[in-house]
Amino acid sequence: MRKLVAGNWKMYGLASSLAEIEALKGLTGEAACDIVVCPPFTLLEKAAERAKDSTVAIGAQDCHRQISDAYTGDVSAEMLVDPGARFVILGHSERRVFHHETDAMVATKVTAARTAGLTAIICVGETRSERGDGKAIEVVGAQLRASVPAGASSSNLVIAYEPVWAIGTGLVPTIEQIEEIHSSIRQRLEELGEDRRNVRIPYGGSVKASNAAAIFGAENVDGALVGGASLKATEFAGIISAAA
């Protein structure tokens, strides 16, 4: 299965940051994996212009559940497609915690994204206390069941496993822990239907060029969702090259 390496810029990036996309194009060339960069909403159109005619696709970091309505300050999936986005990250733990997004809310957003023609990257993952209590598989399984709506398939869905305790902390699960969760996700996807059998499952959480090869070598790991290390082309390219 072809791996997917996606960069989540979060609330970082100004117009000057677009130079990193230009640099990334030059560093990756014909990459052996699919590459996605998800900048802030304000940079989507210019990022898509910079990535044109390259192997780099552009994604967004969230969308609203409605196609359009009176929701001041929100952005619909169609509004992401219009400037050139092809992917959207949904259900990231920072959205779940700070914006109180539930699994049900995530599912409605995934449906909106699919309707607009976007591929949704759904994030699932346990907290440190949940892992300490031995509930990681249970928590991730529950998130998966409730966040994946009917109609989602391998053609429009990606599931990113991001243990909350590893995001931006420098802490990384062991390869055995990653494989355990990814295998459980794979099993649950297969239980949800044949059309979800080949959904890609990237890992996210303190992924760097120095540990990417080991992570990519783990069973059922189909790429990475990268945070801070995606902001600089040289570091991000190092992760991408490890996916070959």
C-alpha atoms as a PDB file:
ATOM      1  CA  MET A   1       0.000   0.000   0.000  1.00  0.00           C
ATOM      2  CA  ARG A   2       1.385   3.416  -0.975  1.00  0.00           C
ATOM      3  CA  LYS A   3       2.155   5.425   2.144  1.00  0.00           C
ATOM      4  CA  LEU A   4       0.781   8.903   2.848  1.00  0.00           C
ATOM      5  CA  VAL A   5       2.859  11.526   4.669  1.00  0.00           C
ATOM      6  CA  ALA A   6       0.843  14.596   5.671  1.00  0.00           C
ATOM      7  CA  GLY A   7       2.102  17.760   7.331  1.00  0.00           C
ATOM      8  CA  ASN A   8      -0.165  19.636   9.743  1.00  0.00           C
ATOM      9  CA  TRP A   9       1.047  23.222  10.058  1.00  0.00           C
ATOM     10  CA  LYS A  10      -1.550  23.986  12.758  1.00  0.00           C
ATOM     11  CA  MET A  11      -1.733  27.724  13.614  1.00  0.00           C
ATOM     12  CA  TYR A  12       1.683  28.462  12.137  1.00  0.00           C
ATOM     13  CA  GLY A  13       2.568  30.008   8.825  1.00  0.00           C
ATOM     14  CA  LEU A  14       2.460  33.345   7.017  1.00  0.00           C
ATOM     15  CA  ALA A  15       2.905  34.111   3.325  1.00  0.00           C
ATOM     16  CA  SER A  16       6.663  33.835   3.726  1.00  0.00           C
ATOM     17  CA  SER A  17       6.226  30.217   4.872  1.00  0.00           C
ATOM     18  CA  LEU A  18       5.114  29.221   1.380  1.00  0.00           C
ATOM     19  CA  ALA A  19       8.775  29.111   0.417  1.00  0.00           C
ATOM     20  CA  GLU A  20       8.888  25.820   2.338  1.00  0.00           C
ATOM     21  CA  ILE A  21       6.495  24.286  -0.190  1.00  0.00           C
ATOM     22  CA  GLU A  22       8.730  25.403  -3.040  1.00  0.00           C
ATOM     23  CA  ALA A  23      11.720  23.904  -1.257  1.00  0.00           C
ATOM     24  CA  LEU A  24       9.824  20.688  -0.543  1.00  0.00           C
ATOM     25  CA  LYS A  25       9.032  20.262  -4.229  1.00  0.00           C
ATOM     26  CA  GLY A  26      12.697  20.454  -5.052  1.00  0.00           C
ATOM     27  CA  LEU A  27      13.733  18.066  -2.273  1.00  0.00           C
ATOM     28  CA  THR A  28      11.163  15.334  -2.891  1.00  0.00           C
ATOM     29  CA  GLY A  29      10.773  15.180  -6.678  1.00  0.00           C
ATOM     30  CA  GLU A  30       9.010  11.950  -7.641  1.00  0.00           C
ATOM     31  CA  ALA A  31       8.462  10.720  -4.094  1.00  0.00           C
ATOM     32  CA  ALA A  32       7.634   7.105  -3.351  1.00  0.00           C
ATOM     33  CA  CYS A  33       4.699   8.172  -1.166  1.00  0.00           C
ATOM     34  CA  ASP A  34       1.758  10.578  -1.326  1.00  0.00           C
ATOM     35  CA  ILE A  35       2.578  13.968   0.190  1.00  0.00           C
ATOM     36  CA  VAL A  36       0.070  16.384   1.726  1.00  0.00           C
ATOM     37  CA  VAL A  37       0.684  19.789   3.308  1.00  0.00           C
ATOM     38  CA  CYS A  38      -2.106  21.259   5.459  1.00  0.00           C
ATOM     39  CA  PRO A  39      -1.468  24.981   6.040  1.00  0.00           C
ATOM     40  CA  PRO A  40      -3.824  27.451   7.760  1.00  0.00           C
ATOM     41  CA  PHE A  41      -6.968  28.500   5.882  1.00  0.00           C
ATOM     42  CA  THR A  42      -5.365  31.849   5.017  1.00  0.00           C
ATOM     43  CA  LEU A  43      -2.671  30.157   2.922  1.00  0.00           C
ATOM     44  CA  LEU A  44      -4.729  27.512   1.113  1.00  0.00           C
ATOM     45  CA  GLU A  45      -5.058  29.247  -2.241  1.00  0.00           C
ATOM     46  CA  LYS A  46      -1.446  30.384  -2.420  1.00  0.00           C
ATOM     47  CA  ALA A  47      -0.238  27.002  -1.195  1.00  0.00           C
ATOM     48  CA  ALA A  48      -2.213  25.261  -3.945  1.00  0.00           C
ATOM     49  CA  GLU A  49      -0.653  27.597  -6.495  1.00  0.00           C
ATOM     50  CA  ARG A  50       2.850  26.798  -5.217  1.00  0.00           C
ATOM     51  CA  ALA A  51       2.146  23.056  -5.244  1.00  0.00           C
ATOM     52  CA  LYS A  52       0.656  23.031  -8.750  1.00  0.00           C
ATOM     53  CA  ASP A  53       2.152  20.454 -11.137  1.00  0.00           C
ATOM     54  CA  SER A  54       4.012  18.704  -8.318  1.00  0.00           C
ATOM     55  CA  THR A  55       3.573  15.598  -6.178  1.00  0.00           C
ATOM     56  CA  VAL A  56       2.534  17.752  -3.205  1.00  0.00           C
ATOM     57  CA  ALA A  57      -1.201  17.910  -2.490  1.00  0.00           C
ATOM     58  CA  ILE A  58      -2.788  20.557  -0.281  1.00  0.00           C
ATOM     59  CA  GLY A  59      -5.152  19.878   2.604  1.00  0.00           C
ATOM     60  CA  ALA A  60      -6.950  21.861   5.287  1.00  0.00           C
ATOM     61  CA  GLN A  61      -7.176  21.405   9.047  1.00  0.00           C
ATOM     62  CA  ASP A  62     -10.939  21.425   9.612  1.00  0.00           C
ATOM     63  CA  CYS A  63     -14.292  22.100   7.968  1.00  0.00           C
ATOM     64  CA  HIS A  64     -17.860  22.738   9.045  1.00  0.00           C
ATOM     65  CA  ARG A  65     -20.507  20.031   8.931  1.00  0.00           C
ATOM     66  CA  GLN A  66     -22.833  22.147   6.763  1.00  0.00           C
ATOM     67  CA  ILE A  67     -22.318  22.971   3.088  1.00  0.00           C
ATOM     68  CA  SER A  68     -23.352  26.563   3.791  1.00  0.00           C
ATOM     69  CA  ASP A  69     -25.342  28.428   6.433  1.00  0.00           C
ATOM     70  CA  ALA A  70     -25.235  31.389   8.815  1.00  0.00           C
ATOM     71  CA  TYR A  71     -22.156  30.315  10.807  1.00  0.00           C
ATOM     72  CA  THR A  72     -19.944  33.350  11.193  1.00  0.00           C
ATOM     73  CA  GLY A  73     -16.252  32.513  11.055  1.00  0.00           C
ATOM     74  CA  ASP A  74     -16.671  28.899   9.935  1.00  0.00           C
ATOM     75  CA  VAL A  75     -15.421  27.342   6.695  1.00  0.00           C
ATOM     76  CA  SER A  76     -17.293  24.732   4.670  1.00  0.00           C
ATOM     77  CA  ALA A  77     -15.797  21.796   2.801  1.00  0.00           C
ATOM     78  CA  GLU A  78     -16.750  23.369  -0.533  1.00  0.00           C
ATOM     79  CA  MET A  79     -14.818  26.488   0.464  1.00  0.00           C
ATOM     80  CA  LEU A  80     -11.740  24.304   0.905  1.00  0.00           C
ATOM     81  CA  VAL A  81     -12.113  22.632  -2.482  1.00  0.00           C
ATOM     82  CA  ASP A  82     -12.548  25.977  -4.244  1.00  0.00           C
ATOM     83  CA  PRO A  83      -8.939  27.191  -3.687  1.00  0.00           C
ATOM     84  CA  GLY A  84      -7.480  23.749  -4.361  1.00  0.00           C
ATOM     85  CA  ALA A  85      -7.562  21.589  -1.201  1.00  0.00           C
ATOM     86  CA  ARG A  86      -7.882  17.831  -1.693  1.00  0.00           C
ATOM     87  CA  PHE A  87      -7.654  16.605   1.903  1.00  0.00           C
ATOM     88  CA  VAL A  88      -8.927  17.781   5.291  1.00  0.00           C
ATOM     89  CA  ILE A  89      -7.863  16.778   8.811  1.00  0.00           C
ATOM     90  CA  LEU A  90     -10.865  16.096  11.047  1.00  0.00           C
ATOM     91  CA  GLY A  91     -11.194  15.155  14.706  1.00  0.00           C
ATOM     92  CA  HIS A  92      -7.668  16.130  15.703  1.00  0.00           C
ATOM     93  CA  SER A  93      -7.271  15.872  19.468  1.00  0.00           C
ATOM     94  CA  GLU A  94      -6.756  19.633  19.721  1.00  0.00           C
ATOM     95  CA  ARG A  95     -10.166  20.128  18.104  1.00  0.00           C
ATOM     96  CA  ARG A  96     -11.734  17.468  20.309  1.00  0.00           C
ATOM     97  CA  VAL A  97     -10.290  19.014  23.496  1.00  0.00           C
ATOM     98  CA  PHE A  98     -10.300  22.761  22.902  1.00  0.00           C
ATOM     99  CA  HIS A  99     -13.411  22.943  20.682  1.00  0.00           C
ATOM    100  CA  HIS A 100     -15.284  20.127  22.431  1.00  0.00           C
ATOM    101  CA  GLU A 101     -15.820  18.146  19.232  1.00  0.00           C
ATOM    102  CA  THR A 102     -17.525  14.801  19.751  1.00  0.00           C
ATOM    103  CA  ASP A 103     -17.232  11.685  17.604  1.00  0.00           C
ATOM    104  CA  ALA A 104     -20.712  12.405  16.247  1.00  0.00           C
ATOM    105  CA  MET A 105     -19.637  15.900  15.183  1.00  0.00           C
ATOM    106  CA  VAL A 106     -16.568  14.477  13.486  1.00  0.00           C
ATOM    107  CA  ALA A 107     -18.728  11.986  11.578  1.00  0.00           C
ATOM    108  CA  THR A 108     -20.946  14.760  10.186  1.00  0.00           C
ATOM    109  CA  LYS A 109     -17.863  16.676   9.073  1.00  0.00           C
ATOM    110  CA  VAL A 110     -16.497  13.594   7.343  1.00  0.00           C
ATOM    111  CA  THR A 111     -19.756  13.286   5.422  1.00  0.00           C
ATOM    112  CA  ALA A 112     -19.569  16.943   4.412  1.00  0.00           C
ATOM    113  CA  ALA A 113     -15.974  16.495   3.277  1.00  0.00           C
ATOM    114  CA  ARG A 114     -16.834  13.432   1.195  1.00  0.00           C
ATOM    115  CA  THR A 115     -19.788  15.219  -0.403  1.00  0.00           C
ATOM    116  CA  ALA A 116     -17.471  18.056  -1.453  1.00  0.00           C
ATOM    117  CA  GLY A 117     -14.915  15.633  -2.898  1.00  0.00           C
ATOM    118  CA  LEU A 118     -12.313  15.817  -0.123  1.00  0.00           C
ATOM    119  CA  THR A 119     -10.460  12.934   1.481  1.00  0.00           C
ATOM    120  CA  ALA A 120     -10.914  13.086   5.253  1.00  0.00           C
ATOM    121  CA  ILE A 121      -8.015  12.294   7.572  1.00  0.00           C
ATOM    122  CA  ILE A 122      -9.743  11.300  10.815  1.00  0.00           C
ATOM    123  CA  CYS A 123      -7.574  11.459  13.932  1.00  0.00           C
ATOM    124  CA  VAL A 124      -8.051   9.001  16.796  1.00  0.00           C
ATOM    125  CA  GLY A 125      -5.974   8.431  19.897  1.00  0.00           C
ATOM    126  CA  GLU A 126      -5.927   7.911  23.632  1.00  0.00           C
ATOM    127  CA  THR A 127      -4.734  10.170  26.457  1.00  0.00           C
ATOM    128  CA  ARG A 128      -1.852   9.243  28.745  1.00  0.00           C
ATOM    129  CA  SER A 129      -4.208   8.292  31.563  1.00  0.00           C
ATOM    130  CA  GLU A 130      -6.299   6.114  29.246  1.00  0.00           C
ATOM    131  CA  ARG A 131      -3.177   4.266  28.136  1.00  0.00           C
ATOM    132  CA  GLY A 132      -2.053   3.927  31.732  1.00  0.00           C
ATOM    133  CA  ASP A 133      -5.417   2.374  32.571  1.00  0.00           C
ATOM    134  CA  GLY A 134      -5.025  -0.153  29.748  1.00  0.00           C
ATOM    135  CA  LYS A 135      -7.878   1.369  27.732  1.00  0.00           C
ATOM    136  CA  ALA A 136      -6.034   2.495  24.600  1.00  0.00           C
ATOM    137  CA  ILE A 137      -7.531  -0.090  22.243  1.00  0.00           C
ATOM    138  CA  GLU A 138     -10.998   0.379  23.738  1.00  0.00           C
ATOM    139  CA  VAL A 139     -10.868   4.186  23.431  1.00  0.00           C
ATOM    140  CA  VAL A 140      -9.513   4.205  19.884  1.00  0.00           C
ATOM    141  CA  GLY A 141     -12.041   1.563  18.825  1.00  0.00           C
ATOM    142  CA  ALA A 142     -14.938   3.605  20.203  1.00  0.00           C
ATOM    143  CA  GLN A 143     -13.700   6.760  18.450  1.00  0.00           C
ATOM    144  CA  LEU A 144     -13.341   4.851  15.206  1.00  0.00           C
ATOM    145  CA  ARG A 145     -16.819   3.336  15.284  1.00  0.00           C
ATOM    146  CA  ALA A 146     -18.520   6.658  16.040  1.00  0.00           C
ATOM    147  CA  SER A 147     -16.396   8.930  13.815  1.00  0.00           C
ATOM    148  CA  VAL A 148     -16.596   6.974  10.547  1.00  0.00           C
ATOM    149  CA  PRO A 149     -19.956   7.578   8.843  1.00  0.00           C
ATOM    150  CA  ALA A 150     -21.730   5.381   6.336  1.00  0.00           C
ATOM    151  CA  GLY A 151     -20.351   5.837   2.831  1.00  0.00           C
ATOM    152  CA  ALA A 152     -16.758   6.409   3.912  1.00  0.00           C
ATOM    153  CA  SER A 153     -14.324   4.143   2.063  1.00  0.00           C
ATOM    154  CA  SER A 154     -10.674   3.739   1.144  1.00  0.00           C
ATOM    155  CA  SER A 155     -11.150   6.238  -1.696  1.00  0.00           C
ATOM    156  CA  ASN A 156     -12.111   9.118   0.614  1.00  0.00           C
ATOM    157  CA  LEU A 157     -10.914   8.166   4.081  1.00  0.00           C
ATOM    158  CA  VAL A 158      -7.651   8.010   6.035  1.00  0.00           C
ATOM    159  CA  ILE A 159      -7.414   7.097   9.740  1.00  0.00           C
ATOM    160  CA  ALA A 160      -4.498   8.664  11.613  1.00  0.00           C
ATOM    161  CA  TYR A 161      -3.566   7.162  14.965  1.00  0.00           C
ATOM    162  CA  GLU A 162      -2.244   9.988  17.149  1.00  0.00           C
ATOM    163  CA  PRO A 163      -1.830   9.136  20.831  1.00  0.00           C
ATOM    164  CA  VAL A 164      -2.631  12.434  22.545  1.00  0.00           C
ATOM    165  CA  TRP A 165       0.272  12.058  24.955  1.00  0.00           C
ATOM    166  CA  ALA A 166       2.781  11.888  22.082  1.00  0.00           C
ATOM    167  CA  ILE A 167       1.686  15.009  20.196  1.00  0.00           C
ATOM    168  CA  GLY A 168       4.350  17.691  20.476  1.00  0.00           C
ATOM    169  CA  THR A 169       5.877  16.112  23.580  1.00  0.00           C
ATOM    170  CA  GLY A 170       8.791  14.240  22.074  1.00  0.00           C
ATOM    171  CA  LEU A 171       7.379  11.029  23.545  1.00  0.00           C
ATOM    172  CA  VAL A 172       6.830   8.189  21.089  1.00  0.00           C
ATOM    173  CA  PRO A 173       5.126   4.843  21.728  1.00  0.00           C
ATOM    174  CA  THR A 174       7.211   1.748  21.256  1.00  0.00           C
ATOM    175  CA  ILE A 175       6.981   0.043  17.871  1.00  0.00           C
ATOM    176  CA  GLU A 176       5.061  -2.763  19.589  1.00  0.00           C
ATOM    177  CA  GLN A 177       2.522  -0.275  20.982  1.00  0.00           C
ATOM    178  CA  ILE A 178       2.082   1.362  17.579  1.00  0.00           C
ATOM    179  CA  GLU A 179       1.625  -2.005  15.887  1.00  0.00           C
ATOM    180  CA  GLU A 180      -0.913  -3.094  18.490  1.00  0.00           C
ATOM    181  CA  ILE A 181      -3.157  -0.072  17.911  1.00  0.00           C
ATOM    182  CA  HIS A 182      -2.737  -0.031  14.141  1.00  0.00           C
ATOM    183  CA  SER A 183      -3.592  -3.720  13.946  1.00  0.00           C
ATOM    184  CA  SER A 184      -6.710  -3.149  16.040  1.00  0.00           C
ATOM    185  CA  ILE A 185      -7.730  -0.258  13.766  1.00  0.00           C
ATOM    186  CA  ARG A 186      -7.187  -2.424  10.696  1.00  0.00           C
ATOM    187  CA  GLN A 187      -9.336  -5.164  12.198  1.00  0.00           C
ATOM    188  CA  ARG A 188     -12.148  -2.771  13.053  1.00  0.00           C
ATOM    189  CA  LEU A 189     -12.063  -1.207   9.586  1.00  0.00           C
ATOM    190  CA  GLU A 190     -12.417  -4.640   8.041  1.00  0.00           C
ATOM    191  CA  GLU A 191     -15.370  -5.315  10.334  1.00  0.00           C
ATOM    192  CA  LEU A 192     -17.000  -2.096   9.080  1.00  0.00           C
ATOM    193  CA  GLY A 193     -17.052  -3.386   5.505  1.00  0.00           C
ATOM    194  CA  GLU A 194     -15.105  -4.531   2.471  1.00  0.00           C
ATOM    195  CA  ASP A 195     -14.873  -0.995   1.065  1.00  0.00           C
ATOM    196  CA  ARG A 196     -12.813   0.080   4.104  1.00  0.00           C
ATOM    197  CA  ARG A 197     -10.342  -2.782   3.974  1.00  0.00           C
ATOM    198  CA  ASN A 198      -7.657  -0.689   2.248  1.00  0.00           C
ATOM    199  CA  VAL A 199      -8.044   2.548   4.220  1.00  0.00           C
ATOM    200  CA  ARG A 200      -4.585   3.916   4.996  1.00  0.00           C
ATOM    201  CA  ILE A 201      -3.580   4.243   8.651  1.00  0.00           C
ATOM    202  CA  PRO A 202      -0.702   6.700   9.187  1.00  0.00           C
ATOM    203  CA  TYR A 203       0.827   7.260  12.625  1.00  0.00           C
ATOM    204  CA  GLY A 204       1.169  10.713  14.189  1.00  0.00           C
ATOM    205  CA  GLY A 205       2.887  12.013  17.310  1.00  0.00           C
ATOM    206  CA  SER A 206       6.455  13.387  17.511  1.00  0.00           C
ATOM    207  CA  VAL A 207       7.438  11.912  14.134  1.00  0.00           C
ATOM    208  CA  LYS A 208      10.885  13.116  13.005  1.00  0.00           C
ATOM    209  CA  ALA A 209      13.374  12.242  10.302  1.00  0.00           C
ATOM    210  CA  SER A 210      15.383  10.383  12.926  1.00  0.00           C
ATOM    211  CA  ASN A 211      12.579   7.971  13.917  1.00  0.00           C
ATOM    212  CA  ALA A 212      10.467   7.845  10.743  1.00  0.00           C
ATOM    213  CA  ALA A 213      12.091   4.775   9.194  1.00  0.00           C
ATOM    214  CA  ALA A 214      11.482   2.673  12.304  1.00  0.00           C
ATOM    215  CA  ILE A 215       7.863   3.818  12.509  1.00  0.00           C
ATOM    216  CA  PHE A 216       7.240   3.194   8.807  1.00  0.00           C
ATOM    217  CA  GLY A 217       8.625  -0.297   9.210  1.00  0.00           C
ATOM    218  CA  ALA A 218       5.934  -1.199  11.748  1.00  0.00           C
ATOM    219  CA  GLU A 219       3.115  -3.476  10.627  1.00  0.00           C
ATOM    220  CA  ASN A 220      -0.038  -1.699   9.383  1.00  0.00           C
ATOM    221  CA  VAL A 221       1.595   1.745   9.480  1.00  0.00           C
ATOM    222  CA  ASP A 222       0.745   3.413   6.168  1.00  0.00           C
ATOM    223  CA  GLY A 223       2.528   6.737   6.592  1.00  0.00           C
ATOM    224  CA  ALA A 224       2.612   9.621   9.050  1.00  0.00           C
ATOM    225  CA  LEU A 225       0.727  12.703  10.149  1.00  0.00           C
ATOM    226  CA  VAL A 226       3.476  15.154  11.054  1.00  0.00           C
ATOM    227  CA  GLY A 227       3.203  18.322  13.131  1.00  0.00           C
ATOM    228  CA  GLY A 228       6.150  20.593  13.908  1.00  0.00           C
ATOM    229  CA  ALA A 229       8.615  18.676  11.745  1.00  0.00           C
ATOM    230  CA  SER A 230       6.530  19.506   8.651  1.00  0.00           C
ATOM    231  CA  LEU A 231       7.127  23.251   8.978  1.00  0.00           C
ATOM    232  CA  LYS A 232      10.642  23.046   7.540  1.00  0.00           C
ATOM    233  CA  ALA A 233      11.106  21.431   4.152  1.00  0.00           C
ATOM    234  CA  THR A 234      14.434  19.812   4.974  1.00  0.00           C
ATOM    235  CA  GLU A 235      13.108  17.982   8.045  1.00  0.00           C
ATOM    236  CA  PHE A 236       9.840  17.051   6.348  1.00  0.00           C
ATOM    237  CA  ALA A 237      11.694  15.767   3.283  1.00  0.00           C
ATOM    238  CA  GLY A 238      13.767  13.544   5.561  1.00  0.00           C
ATOM    239  CA  ILE A 239      10.580  11.933   6.848  1.00  0.00           C
ATOM    240  CA  ILE A 240       9.222  11.551   3.311  1.00  0.00           C
ATOM    241  CA  SER A 241      12.398   9.868   2.098  1.00  0.00           C
ATOM    242  CA  ALA A 242      12.068   7.314   4.913  1.00  0.00           C
ATOM    243  CA  ALA A 243       8.742   6.216   3.438  1.00  0.00           C
ATOM    244  CA  ALA A 244      10.387   4.828   0.300  1.00  0.00           C
END
